[in-house]
Amino acid sequence: MMEEKTLLKPRAAIYCRTANADDFTIEPQRQSLFRLAKEKGFDDPAEYLDKGQKGTALDRPAFKRLTEDMVAGEIQIVFVKNASRISRDCIALAEWLEMAHTLGVEVISENGDIQI
């Protein structure tokens, strides 16, 4: 008798970043990404939230954890509001997206400016 293989559903994450440190600013972004993830079939995405963090550097705490989890193979799909939430530096953004692509991680932005 042949053993049935169970296909595991990819693990999804949402990543939110705001320059303001308050919940009022980040919460709408968070809620819209949860809705997007649910529309795509992911009911329980991991959350990575950077409040009060500028988009010019990639050494933000939650972003670093997200990247580490991607490298570890724990995250296969990332939902973001738009490209600027990842980085406002075009070169850094391109390098991070290339790394995600190399790892086989799908990155989907709500506004459609990213989809790899």
PDB file of N, CA and C in Angstrom:
ATOM      1  N   MET A   1       0.836  -1.173   0.000  1.00  0.00           N
ATOM      2  CA  MET A   1       0.000   0.000   0.000  1.00  0.00           C
ATOM      3  C   MET A   1       0.891   1.251   0.000  1.00  0.00           C
ATOM      4  N   MET A   2       0.611   2.169  -0.898  1.00  0.00           N
ATOM      5  CA  MET A   2       1.405   3.373  -1.024  1.00  0.00           C
ATOM      6  C   MET A   2       0.972   4.410   0.011  1.00  0.00           C
ATOM      7  N   GLU A   3       1.968   5.044   0.625  1.00  0.00           N
ATOM      8  CA  GLU A   3       1.690   6.052   1.631  1.00  0.00           C
ATOM      9  C   GLU A   3       1.246   7.352   0.974  1.00  0.00           C
ATOM     10  N   GLU A   4       0.192   7.965   1.490  1.00  0.00           N
ATOM     11  CA  GLU A   4      -0.280   9.232   0.949  1.00  0.00           C
ATOM     12  C   GLU A   4       0.615  10.362   1.433  1.00  0.00           C
ATOM     13  N   LYS A   5       0.987  11.244   0.520  1.00  0.00           N
ATOM     14  CA  LYS A   5       1.781  12.404   0.886  1.00  0.00           C
ATOM     15  C   LYS A   5       0.838  13.571   1.143  1.00  0.00           C
ATOM     16  N   THR A   6       1.060  14.230   2.241  1.00  0.00           N
ATOM     17  CA  THR A   6       0.267  15.403   2.575  1.00  0.00           C
ATOM     18  C   THR A   6       1.033  16.639   2.131  1.00  0.00           C
ATOM     19  N   LEU A   7       0.410  17.433   1.283  1.00  0.00           N
ATOM     20  CA  LEU A   7       1.037  18.671   0.865  1.00  0.00           C
ATOM     21  C   LEU A   7       0.758  19.740   1.911  1.00  0.00           C
ATOM     22  N   LEU A   8       1.820  20.319   2.410  1.00  0.00           N
ATOM     23  CA  LEU A   8       1.663  21.371   3.397  1.00  0.00           C
ATOM     24  C   LEU A   8       1.390  22.694   2.702  1.00  0.00           C
ATOM     25  N   LYS A   9       0.478  23.443   3.255  1.00  0.00           N
ATOM     26  CA  LYS A   9       0.150  24.762   2.726  1.00  0.00           C
ATOM     27  C   LYS A   9       1.320  25.694   3.052  1.00  0.00           C
ATOM     28  N   PRO A  10       1.719  26.527   2.103  1.00  0.00           N
ATOM     29  CA  PRO A  10       2.805  27.470   2.394  1.00  0.00           C
ATOM     30  C   PRO A  10       2.440  28.369   3.568  1.00  0.00           C
ATOM     31  N   ARG A  11       3.423  28.765   4.322  1.00  0.00           N
ATOM     32  CA  ARG A  11       3.215  29.670   5.457  1.00  0.00           C
ATOM     33  C   ARG A  11       3.295  31.102   4.954  1.00  0.00           C
ATOM     34  N   ALA A  12       2.273  31.884   5.244  1.00  0.00           N
ATOM     35  CA  ALA A  12       2.199  33.266   4.798  1.00  0.00           C
ATOM     36  C   ALA A  12       2.495  34.221   5.947  1.00  0.00           C
ATOM     37  N   ALA A  13       2.882  35.442   5.563  1.00  0.00           N
ATOM     38  CA  ALA A  13       3.145  36.497   6.538  1.00  0.00           C
ATOM     39  C   ALA A  13       2.644  37.814   5.991  1.00  0.00           C
ATOM     40  N   ILE A  14       2.313  38.713   6.901  1.00  0.00           N
ATOM     41  CA  ILE A  14       2.060  40.092   6.513  1.00  0.00           C
ATOM     42  C   ILE A  14       3.186  40.929   7.104  1.00  0.00           C
ATOM     43  N   TYR A  15       3.621  41.922   6.356  1.00  0.00           N
ATOM     44  CA  TYR A  15       4.625  42.851   6.861  1.00  0.00           C
ATOM     45  C   TYR A  15       4.079  44.269   6.752  1.00  0.00           C
ATOM     46  N   CYS A  16       4.056  44.968   7.871  1.00  0.00           N
ATOM     47  CA  CYS A  16       3.593  46.355   7.920  1.00  0.00           C
ATOM     48  C   CYS A  16       4.699  47.223   8.499  1.00  0.00           C
ATOM     49  N   ARG A  17       4.829  48.425   7.927  1.00  0.00           N
ATOM     50  CA  ARG A  17       5.779  49.395   8.453  1.00  0.00           C
ATOM     51  C   ARG A  17       5.162  50.773   8.384  1.00  0.00           C
ATOM     52  N   THR A  18       5.330  51.525   9.454  1.00  0.00           N
ATOM     53  CA  THR A  18       4.917  52.925   9.461  1.00  0.00           C
ATOM     54  C   THR A  18       6.011  53.743  10.128  1.00  0.00           C
ATOM     55  N   ALA A  19       6.138  54.981   9.710  1.00  0.00           N
ATOM     56  CA  ALA A  19       7.103  55.882  10.327  1.00  0.00           C
ATOM     57  C   ALA A  19       6.602  56.374  11.685  1.00  0.00           C
ATOM     58  N   ASN A  20       5.285  56.341  11.889  1.00  0.00           N
ATOM     59  CA  ASN A  20       4.694  56.724  13.175  1.00  0.00           C
ATOM     60  C   ASN A  20       4.628  55.508  14.083  1.00  0.00           C
ATOM     61  N   ALA A  21       4.837  55.746  15.368  1.00  0.00           N
ATOM     62  CA  ALA A  21       4.873  54.636  16.319  1.00  0.00           C
ATOM     63  C   ALA A  21       3.509  54.275  16.902  1.00  0.00           C
ATOM     64  N   ASP A  22       2.456  54.918  16.453  1.00  0.00           N
ATOM     65  CA  ASP A  22       1.150  54.664  17.067  1.00  0.00           C
ATOM     66  C   ASP A  22       0.379  53.544  16.365  1.00  0.00           C
ATOM     67  N   ASP A  23      -0.527  52.925  17.111  1.00  0.00           N
ATOM     68  CA  ASP A  23      -1.362  51.854  16.565  1.00  0.00           C
ATOM     69  C   ASP A  23      -2.361  52.390  15.548  1.00  0.00           C
ATOM     70  N   PHE A  24      -2.789  53.627  15.711  1.00  0.00           N
ATOM     71  CA  PHE A  24      -3.769  54.235  14.814  1.00  0.00           C
ATOM     72  C   PHE A  24      -3.270  54.227  13.366  1.00  0.00           C
ATOM     73  N   THR A  25      -1.972  54.439  13.180  1.00  0.00           N
ATOM     74  CA  THR A  25      -1.395  54.503  11.839  1.00  0.00           C
ATOM     75  C   THR A  25      -1.213  53.122  11.216  1.00  0.00           C
ATOM     76  N   ILE A  26      -0.784  52.160  12.000  1.00  0.00           N
ATOM     77  CA  ILE A  26      -0.457  50.846  11.439  1.00  0.00           C
ATOM     78  C   ILE A  26      -1.671  49.930  11.318  1.00  0.00           C
ATOM     79  N   GLU A  27      -2.669  50.134  12.137  1.00  0.00           N
ATOM     80  CA  GLU A  27      -3.810  49.210  12.181  1.00  0.00           C
ATOM     81  C   GLU A  27      -4.575  49.094  10.851  1.00  0.00           C
ATOM     82  N   PRO A  28      -4.862  50.185  10.137  1.00  0.00           N
ATOM     83  CA  PRO A  28      -5.552  50.024   8.848  1.00  0.00           C
ATOM     84  C   PRO A  28      -4.735  49.197   7.849  1.00  0.00           C
ATOM     85  N   GLN A  29      -3.441  49.398   7.834  1.00  0.00           N
ATOM     86  CA  GLN A  29      -2.547  48.628   6.962  1.00  0.00           C
ATOM     87  C   GLN A  29      -2.605  47.142   7.333  1.00  0.00           C
ATOM     88  N   ARG A  30      -2.535  46.882   8.625  1.00  0.00           N
ATOM     89  CA  ARG A  30      -2.577  45.504   9.135  1.00  0.00           C
ATOM     90  C   ARG A  30      -3.884  44.819   8.740  1.00  0.00           C
ATOM     91  N   GLN A  31      -5.008  45.503   8.970  1.00  0.00           N
ATOM     92  CA  GLN A  31      -6.317  44.920   8.658  1.00  0.00           C
ATOM     93  C   GLN A  31      -6.485  44.647   7.161  1.00  0.00           C
ATOM     94  N   SER A  32      -6.039  45.578   6.321  1.00  0.00           N
ATOM     95  CA  SER A  32      -6.187  45.371   4.877  1.00  0.00           C
ATOM     96  C   SER A  32      -5.317  44.214   4.391  1.00  0.00           C
ATOM     97  N   LEU A  33      -4.157  44.018   4.999  1.00  0.00           N
ATOM     98  CA  LEU A  33      -3.307  42.887   4.605  1.00  0.00           C
ATOM     99  C   LEU A  33      -3.882  41.558   5.098  1.00  0.00           C
ATOM    100  N   PHE A  34      -4.507  41.561   6.262  1.00  0.00           N
ATOM    101  CA  PHE A  34      -5.190  40.344   6.716  1.00  0.00           C
ATOM    102  C   PHE A  34      -6.315  39.978   5.760  1.00  0.00           C
ATOM    103  N   ARG A  35      -7.066  40.989   5.296  1.00  0.00           N
ATOM    104  CA  ARG A  35      -8.137  40.715   4.319  1.00  0.00           C
ATOM    105  C   ARG A  35      -7.563  40.154   3.018  1.00  0.00           C
ATOM    106  N   LEU A  36      -6.478  40.741   2.532  1.00  0.00           N
ATOM    107  CA  LEU A  36      -5.843  40.265   1.308  1.00  0.00           C
ATOM    108  C   LEU A  36      -5.357  38.831   1.469  1.00  0.00           C
ATOM    109  N   ALA A  37      -4.713  38.542   2.575  1.00  0.00           N
ATOM    110  CA  ALA A  37      -4.232  37.182   2.825  1.00  0.00           C
ATOM    111  C   ALA A  37      -5.400  36.202   2.852  1.00  0.00           C
ATOM    112  N   LYS A  38      -6.482  36.587   3.515  1.00  0.00           N
ATOM    113  CA  LYS A  38      -7.665  35.719   3.582  1.00  0.00           C
ATOM    114  C   LYS A  38      -8.254  35.486   2.195  1.00  0.00           C
ATOM    115  N   GLU A  39      -8.314  36.550   1.369  1.00  0.00           N
ATOM    116  CA  GLU A  39      -8.814  36.403  -0.006  1.00  0.00           C
ATOM    117  C   GLU A  39      -7.976  35.410  -0.810  1.00  0.00           C
ATOM    118  N   LYS A  40      -6.694  35.337  -0.479  1.00  0.00           N
ATOM    119  CA  LYS A  40      -5.780  34.432  -1.185  1.00  0.00           C
ATOM    120  C   LYS A  40      -5.721  33.049  -0.532  1.00  0.00           C
ATOM    121  N   GLY A  41      -6.549  32.844   0.506  1.00  0.00           N
ATOM    122  CA  GLY A  41      -6.645  31.527   1.139  1.00  0.00           C
ATOM    123  C   GLY A  41      -5.789  31.314   2.367  1.00  0.00           C
ATOM    124  N   PHE A  42      -5.265  32.386   2.959  1.00  0.00           N
ATOM    125  CA  PHE A  42      -4.425  32.270   4.148  1.00  0.00           C
ATOM    126  C   PHE A  42      -5.125  32.925   5.324  1.00  0.00           C
ATOM    127  N   ASP A  43      -5.662  32.094   6.223  1.00  0.00           N
ATOM    128  CA  ASP A  43      -6.457  32.596   7.343  1.00  0.00           C
ATOM    129  C   ASP A  43      -5.633  33.033   8.545  1.00  0.00           C
ATOM    130  N   ASP A  44      -4.404  32.553   8.664  1.00  0.00           N
ATOM    131  CA  ASP A  44      -3.624  32.823   9.867  1.00  0.00           C
ATOM    132  C   ASP A  44      -2.179  33.194   9.522  1.00  0.00           C
ATOM    133  N   PRO A  45      -1.984  34.310   8.801  1.00  0.00           N
ATOM    134  CA  PRO A  45      -0.613  34.680   8.460  1.00  0.00           C
ATOM    135  C   PRO A  45       0.161  35.161   9.693  1.00  0.00           C
ATOM    136  N   ALA A  46       1.453  34.932   9.681  1.00  0.00           N
ATOM    137  CA  ALA A  46       2.313  35.482  10.731  1.00  0.00           C
ATOM    138  C   ALA A  46       2.359  36.994  10.558  1.00  0.00           C
ATOM    139  N   GLU A  47       2.540  37.711  11.659  1.00  0.00           N
ATOM    140  CA  GLU A  47       2.574  39.178  11.613  1.00  0.00           C
ATOM    141  C   GLU A  47       3.967  39.693  11.925  1.00  0.00           C
ATOM    142  N   TYR A  48       4.419  40.618  11.108  1.00  0.00           N
ATOM    143  CA  TYR A  48       5.679  41.315  11.336  1.00  0.00           C
ATOM    144  C   TYR A  48       5.366  42.804  11.212  1.00  0.00           C
ATOM    145  N   LEU A  49       5.436  43.518  12.336  1.00  0.00           N
ATOM    146  CA  LEU A  49       5.018  44.921  12.375  1.00  0.00           C
ATOM    147  C   LEU A  49       6.157  45.799  12.870  1.00  0.00           C
ATOM    148  N   ASP A  50       6.522  46.785  12.079  1.00  0.00           N
ATOM    149  CA  ASP A  50       7.514  47.775  12.475  1.00  0.00           C
ATOM    150  C   ASP A  50       6.835  49.127  12.591  1.00  0.00           C
ATOM    151  N   LYS A  51       6.579  49.549  13.828  1.00  0.00           N
ATOM    152  CA  LYS A  51       5.974  50.859  14.081  1.00  0.00           C
ATOM    153  C   LYS A  51       7.093  51.855  14.392  1.00  0.00           C
ATOM    154  N   GLY A  52       6.969  53.049  13.829  1.00  0.00           N
ATOM    155  CA  GLY A  52       7.947  54.089  14.105  1.00  0.00           C
ATOM    156  C   GLY A  52       9.287  53.835  13.429  1.00  0.00           C
ATOM    157  N   GLN A  53       9.264  53.165  12.289  1.00  0.00           N
ATOM    158  CA  GLN A  53      10.500  52.818  11.584  1.00  0.00           C
ATOM    159  C   GLN A  53      10.517  53.456  10.199  1.00  0.00           C
ATOM    160  N   LYS A  54      11.599  54.098   9.865  1.00  0.00           N
ATOM    161  CA  LYS A  54      11.734  54.719   8.544  1.00  0.00           C
ATOM    162  C   LYS A  54      12.051  53.655   7.504  1.00  0.00           C
ATOM    163  N   GLY A  55      11.662  53.918   6.276  1.00  0.00           N
ATOM    164  CA  GLY A  55      11.846  52.964   5.196  1.00  0.00           C
ATOM    165  C   GLY A  55      13.170  53.059   4.475  1.00  0.00           C
ATOM    166  N   THR A  56      14.095  53.854   4.987  1.00  0.00           N
ATOM    167  CA  THR A  56      15.372  54.024   4.304  1.00  0.00           C
ATOM    168  C   THR A  56      16.426  52.999   4.724  1.00  0.00           C
ATOM    169  N   ALA A  57      16.183  52.273   5.796  1.00  0.00           N
ATOM    170  CA  ALA A  57      17.138  51.255   6.265  1.00  0.00           C
ATOM    171  C   ALA A  57      16.428  49.918   6.388  1.00  0.00           C
ATOM    172  N   LEU A  58      17.181  48.848   6.242  1.00  0.00           N
ATOM    173  CA  LEU A  58      16.589  47.510   6.344  1.00  0.00           C
ATOM    174  C   LEU A  58      16.855  46.856   7.708  1.00  0.00           C
ATOM    175  N   ASP A  59      17.427  47.594   8.640  1.00  0.00           N
ATOM    176  CA  ASP A  59      17.742  47.005   9.944  1.00  0.00           C
ATOM    177  C   ASP A  59      16.624  47.207  10.959  1.00  0.00           C
ATOM    178  N   ARG A  60      15.389  47.161  10.469  1.00  0.00           N
ATOM    179  CA  ARG A  60      14.227  47.271  11.344  1.00  0.00           C
ATOM    180  C   ARG A  60      13.977  45.916  12.020  1.00  0.00           C
ATOM    181  N   PRO A  61      13.591  45.910  13.295  1.00  0.00           N
ATOM    182  CA  PRO A  61      13.470  44.646  14.051  1.00  0.00           C
ATOM    183  C   PRO A  61      12.554  43.594  13.400  1.00  0.00           C
ATOM    184  N   ALA A  62      11.320  43.956  13.088  1.00  0.00           N
ATOM    185  CA  ALA A  62      10.389  42.962  12.526  1.00  0.00           C
ATOM    186  C   ALA A  62      10.821  42.547  11.115  1.00  0.00           C
ATOM    187  N   PHE A  63      11.358  43.492  10.351  1.00  0.00           N
ATOM    188  CA  PHE A  63      11.808  43.177   9.001  1.00  0.00           C
ATOM    189  C   PHE A  63      12.977  42.198   9.043  1.00  0.00           C
ATOM    190  N   LYS A  64      13.878  42.385   9.981  1.00  0.00           N
ATOM    191  CA  LYS A  64      14.999  41.446  10.135  1.00  0.00           C
ATOM    192  C   LYS A  64      14.491  40.059  10.503  1.00  0.00           C
ATOM    193  N   ARG A  65      13.510  39.979  11.419  1.00  0.00           N
ATOM    194  CA  ARG A  65      12.937  38.671  11.802  1.00  0.00           C
ATOM    195  C   ARG A  65      12.248  38.016  10.609  1.00  0.00           C
ATOM    196  N   LEU A  66      11.506  38.812   9.834  1.00  0.00           N
ATOM    197  CA  LEU A  66      10.844  38.285   8.638  1.00  0.00           C
ATOM    198  C   LEU A  66      11.877  37.695   7.683  1.00  0.00           C
ATOM    199  N   THR A  67      12.922  38.451   7.402  1.00  0.00           N
ATOM    200  CA  THR A  67      13.956  37.985   6.485  1.00  0.00           C
ATOM    201  C   THR A  67      14.622  36.708   7.014  1.00  0.00           C
ATOM    202  N   GLU A  68      14.920  36.664   8.301  1.00  0.00           N
ATOM    203  CA  GLU A  68      15.509  35.458   8.904  1.00  0.00           C
ATOM    204  C   GLU A  68      14.568  34.264   8.769  1.00  0.00           C
ATOM    205  N   ASP A  69      13.282  34.478   8.978  1.00  0.00           N
ATOM    206  CA  ASP A  69      12.310  33.389   8.853  1.00  0.00           C
ATOM    207  C   ASP A  69      12.163  32.928   7.405  1.00  0.00           C
ATOM    208  N   MET A  70      12.297  33.850   6.464  1.00  0.00           N
ATOM    209  CA  MET A  70      12.279  33.470   5.049  1.00  0.00           C
ATOM    210  C   MET A  70      13.493  32.592   4.729  1.00  0.00           C
ATOM    211  N   VAL A  71      14.655  33.014   5.185  1.00  0.00           N
ATOM    212  CA  VAL A  71      15.892  32.256   4.940  1.00  0.00           C
ATOM    213  C   VAL A  71      15.802  30.873   5.581  1.00  0.00           C
ATOM    214  N   ALA A  72      15.164  30.795   6.745  1.00  0.00           N
ATOM    215  CA  ALA A  72      15.008  29.516   7.447  1.00  0.00           C
ATOM    216  C   ALA A  72      13.945  28.620   6.811  1.00  0.00           C
ATOM    217  N   GLY A  73      13.224  29.139   5.804  1.00  0.00           N
ATOM    218  CA  GLY A  73      12.196  28.361   5.135  1.00  0.00           C
ATOM    219  C   GLY A  73      10.860  28.341   5.840  1.00  0.00           C
ATOM    220  N   GLU A  74      10.687  29.205   6.849  1.00  0.00           N
ATOM    221  CA  GLU A  74       9.446  29.224   7.615  1.00  0.00           C
ATOM    222  C   GLU A  74       8.348  30.054   6.961  1.00  0.00           C
ATOM    223  N   ILE A  75       8.718  30.982   6.102  1.00  0.00           N
ATOM    224  CA  ILE A  75       7.761  31.853   5.412  1.00  0.00           C
ATOM    225  C   ILE A  75       7.965  31.686   3.911  1.00  0.00           C
ATOM    226  N   GLN A  76       6.861  31.427   3.184  1.00  0.00           N
ATOM    227  CA  GLN A  76       6.941  31.239   1.736  1.00  0.00           C
ATOM    228  C   GLN A  76       6.176  32.313   0.953  1.00  0.00           C
ATOM    229  N   ILE A  77       5.325  33.073   1.617  1.00  0.00           N
ATOM    230  CA  ILE A  77       4.553  34.134   0.963  1.00  0.00           C
ATOM    231  C   ILE A  77       4.504  35.335   1.900  1.00  0.00           C
ATOM    232  N   VAL A  78       4.774  36.523   1.348  1.00  0.00           N
ATOM    233  CA  VAL A  78       4.740  37.749   2.136  1.00  0.00           C
ATOM    234  C   VAL A  78       3.774  38.730   1.474  1.00  0.00           C
ATOM    235  N   PHE A  79       2.855  39.255   2.268  1.00  0.00           N
ATOM    236  CA  PHE A  79       1.923  40.279   1.805  1.00  0.00           C
ATOM    237  C   PHE A  79       2.360  41.620   2.386  1.00  0.00           C
ATOM    238  N   VAL A  80       2.451  42.638   1.521  1.00  0.00           N
ATOM    239  CA  VAL A  80       2.791  43.992   1.945  1.00  0.00           C
ATOM    240  C   VAL A  80       1.827  44.976   1.290  1.00  0.00           C
ATOM    241  N   LYS A  81       1.719  46.154   1.873  1.00  0.00           N
ATOM    242  CA  LYS A  81       0.840  47.195   1.317  1.00  0.00           C
ATOM    243  C   LYS A  81       1.365  47.680  -0.036  1.00  0.00           C
ATOM    244  N   ASN A  82       2.644  48.016  -0.081  1.00  0.00           N
ATOM    245  CA  ASN A  82       3.284  48.454  -1.319  1.00  0.00           C
ATOM    246  C   ASN A  82       4.793  48.347  -1.155  1.00  0.00           C
ATOM    247  N   ALA A  83       5.523  48.605  -2.221  1.00  0.00           N
ATOM    248  CA  ALA A  83       6.976  48.453  -2.217  1.00  0.00           C
ATOM    249  C   ALA A  83       7.655  49.337  -1.177  1.00  0.00           C
ATOM    250  N   SER A  84       7.122  50.518  -0.935  1.00  0.00           N
ATOM    251  CA  SER A  84       7.762  51.428   0.012  1.00  0.00           C
ATOM    252  C   SER A  84       7.716  50.917   1.449  1.00  0.00           C
ATOM    253  N   ARG A  85       6.823  49.968   1.747  1.00  0.00           N
ATOM    254  CA  ARG A  85       6.801  49.400   3.098  1.00  0.00           C
ATOM    255  C   ARG A  85       8.050  48.557   3.327  1.00  0.00           C
ATOM    256  N   ILE A  86       8.590  47.960   2.270  1.00  0.00           N
ATOM    257  CA  ILE A  86       9.824  47.179   2.389  1.00  0.00           C
ATOM    258  C   ILE A  86      11.013  48.128   2.462  1.00  0.00           C
ATOM    259  N   SER A  87      11.132  48.999   1.468  1.00  0.00           N
ATOM    260  CA  SER A  87      12.231  49.960   1.471  1.00  0.00           C
ATOM    261  C   SER A  87      11.928  51.113   0.534  1.00  0.00           C
ATOM    262  N   ARG A  88      12.378  52.288   0.930  1.00  0.00           N
ATOM    263  CA  ARG A  88      12.285  53.460   0.068  1.00  0.00           C
ATOM    264  C   ARG A  88      13.567  53.624  -0.751  1.00  0.00           C
ATOM    265  N   ASP A  89      14.529  52.759  -0.512  1.00  0.00           N
ATOM    266  CA  ASP A  89      15.781  52.737  -1.271  1.00  0.00           C
ATOM    267  C   ASP A  89      15.614  51.716  -2.393  1.00  0.00           C
ATOM    268  N   CYS A  90      15.590  52.181  -3.628  1.00  0.00           N
ATOM    269  CA  CYS A  90      15.305  51.301  -4.778  1.00  0.00           C
ATOM    270  C   CYS A  90      16.300  50.155  -4.903  1.00  0.00           C
ATOM    271  N   ILE A  91      17.564  50.424  -4.623  1.00  0.00           N
ATOM    272  CA  ILE A  91      18.576  49.367  -4.733  1.00  0.00           C
ATOM    273  C   ILE A  91      18.367  48.321  -3.641  1.00  0.00           C
ATOM    274  N   ALA A  92      18.155  48.772  -2.415  1.00  0.00           N
ATOM    275  CA  ALA A  92      17.909  47.836  -1.312  1.00  0.00           C
ATOM    276  C   ALA A  92      16.645  47.022  -1.571  1.00  0.00           C
ATOM    277  N   LEU A  93      15.613  47.669  -2.081  1.00  0.00           N
ATOM    278  CA  LEU A  93      14.374  46.970  -2.413  1.00  0.00           C
ATOM    279  C   LEU A  93      14.626  45.893  -3.454  1.00  0.00           C
ATOM    280  N   ALA A  94      15.331  46.250  -4.528  1.00  0.00           N
ATOM    281  CA  ALA A  94      15.620  45.282  -5.592  1.00  0.00           C
ATOM    282  C   ALA A  94      16.446  44.109  -5.078  1.00  0.00           C
ATOM    283  N   GLU A  95      17.420  44.379  -4.231  1.00  0.00           N
ATOM    284  CA  GLU A  95      18.257  43.299  -3.677  1.00  0.00           C
ATOM    285  C   GLU A  95      17.436  42.377  -2.785  1.00  0.00           C
ATOM    286  N   TRP A  96      16.557  42.950  -1.961  1.00  0.00           N
ATOM    287  CA  TRP A  96      15.735  42.122  -1.074  1.00  0.00           C
ATOM    288  C   TRP A  96      14.761  41.274  -1.891  1.00  0.00           C
ATOM    289  N   LEU A  97      14.141  41.879  -2.913  1.00  0.00           N
ATOM    290  CA  LEU A  97      13.214  41.124  -3.755  1.00  0.00           C
ATOM    291  C   LEU A  97      13.936  40.011  -4.509  1.00  0.00           C
ATOM    292  N   GLU A  98      15.160  40.265  -4.939  1.00  0.00           N
ATOM    293  CA  GLU A  98      15.955  39.221  -5.610  1.00  0.00           C
ATOM    294  C   GLU A  98      16.249  38.077  -4.640  1.00  0.00           C
ATOM    295  N   MET A  99      16.594  38.415  -3.393  1.00  0.00           N
ATOM    296  CA  MET A  99      16.829  37.386  -2.383  1.00  0.00           C
ATOM    297  C   MET A  99      15.562  36.560  -2.156  1.00  0.00           C
ATOM    298  N   ALA A 100      14.415  37.247  -2.041  1.00  0.00           N
ATOM    299  CA  ALA A 100      13.143  36.542  -1.848  1.00  0.00           C
ATOM    300  C   ALA A 100      12.884  35.603  -3.020  1.00  0.00           C
ATOM    301  N   HIS A 101      13.098  36.089  -4.226  1.00  0.00           N
ATOM    302  CA  HIS A 101      12.894  35.276  -5.425  1.00  0.00           C
ATOM    303  C   HIS A 101      13.810  34.048  -5.409  1.00  0.00           C
ATOM    304  N   THR A 102      15.070  34.246  -5.054  1.00  0.00           N
ATOM    305  CA  THR A 102      16.036  33.146  -4.983  1.00  0.00           C
ATOM    306  C   THR A 102      15.604  32.104  -3.957  1.00  0.00           C
ATOM    307  N   LEU A 103      15.008  32.571  -2.858  1.00  0.00           N
ATOM    308  CA  LEU A 103      14.531  31.655  -1.813  1.00  0.00           C
ATOM    309  C   LEU A 103      13.208  30.988  -2.186  1.00  0.00           C
ATOM    310  N   GLY A 104      12.586  31.445  -3.260  1.00  0.00           N
ATOM    311  CA  GLY A 104      11.288  30.904  -3.653  1.00  0.00           C
ATOM    312  C   GLY A 104      10.136  31.490  -2.864  1.00  0.00           C
ATOM    313  N   VAL A 105      10.356  32.661  -2.266  1.00  0.00           N
ATOM    314  CA  VAL A 105       9.318  33.332  -1.481  1.00  0.00           C
ATOM    315  C   VAL A 105       8.537  34.264  -2.407  1.00  0.00           C
ATOM    316  N   GLU A 106       7.227  34.121  -2.395  1.00  0.00           N
ATOM    317  CA  GLU A 106       6.361  34.973  -3.194  1.00  0.00           C
ATOM    318  C   GLU A 106       6.071  36.241  -2.395  1.00  0.00           C
ATOM    319  N   VAL A 107       6.216  37.401  -3.034  1.00  0.00           N
ATOM    320  CA  VAL A 107       5.936  38.683  -2.396  1.00  0.00           C
ATOM    321  C   VAL A 107       4.809  39.340  -3.175  1.00  0.00           C
ATOM    322  N   ILE A 108       3.727  39.650  -2.474  1.00  0.00           N
ATOM    323  CA  ILE A 108       2.539  40.221  -3.111  1.00  0.00           C
ATOM    324  C   ILE A 108       2.196  41.528  -2.413  1.00  0.00           C
ATOM    325  N   SER A 109       2.097  42.606  -3.198  1.00  0.00           N
ATOM    326  CA  SER A 109       1.693  43.887  -2.624  1.00  0.00           C
ATOM    327  C   SER A 109       0.217  44.119  -2.908  1.00  0.00           C
ATOM    328  N   GLU A 110      -0.420  44.754  -1.960  1.00  0.00           N
ATOM    329  CA  GLU A 110      -1.854  45.021  -2.080  1.00  0.00           C
ATOM    330  C   GLU A 110      -2.151  45.926  -3.278  1.00  0.00           C
ATOM    331  N   ASN A 111      -1.291  46.895  -3.540  1.00  0.00           N
ATOM    332  CA  ASN A 111      -1.564  47.824  -4.638  1.00  0.00           C
ATOM    333  C   ASN A 111      -1.031  47.321  -5.974  1.00  0.00           C
ATOM    334  N   GLY A 112      -0.396  46.155  -6.002  1.00  0.00           N
ATOM    335  CA  GLY A 112       0.029  45.548  -7.252  1.00  0.00           C
ATOM    336  C   GLY A 112       1.378  45.995  -7.775  1.00  0.00           C
ATOM    337  N   ASP A 113       2.138  46.822  -7.018  1.00  0.00           N
ATOM    338  CA  ASP A 113       3.424  47.249  -7.534  1.00  0.00           C
ATOM    339  C   ASP A 113       4.518  46.198  -7.364  1.00  0.00           C
ATOM    340  N   ILE A 114       4.219  45.119  -6.649  1.00  0.00           N
ATOM    341  CA  ILE A 114       5.148  43.982  -6.506  1.00  0.00           C
ATOM    342  C   ILE A 114       4.341  42.709  -6.674  1.00  0.00           C
ATOM    343  N   GLN A 115       4.891  41.783  -7.397  1.00  0.00           N
ATOM    344  CA  GLN A 115       4.363  40.419  -7.418  1.00  0.00           C
ATOM    345  C   GLN A 115       5.436  39.530  -8.015  1.00  0.00           C
ATOM    346  N   ILE A 116       6.162  38.848  -7.126  1.00  0.00           N
ATOM    347  CA  ILE A 116       7.178  37.906  -7.596  1.00  0.00           C
ATOM    348  C   ILE A 116       6.890  36.533  -7.040  1.00  0.00           C
TER     349      ILE A 116
END
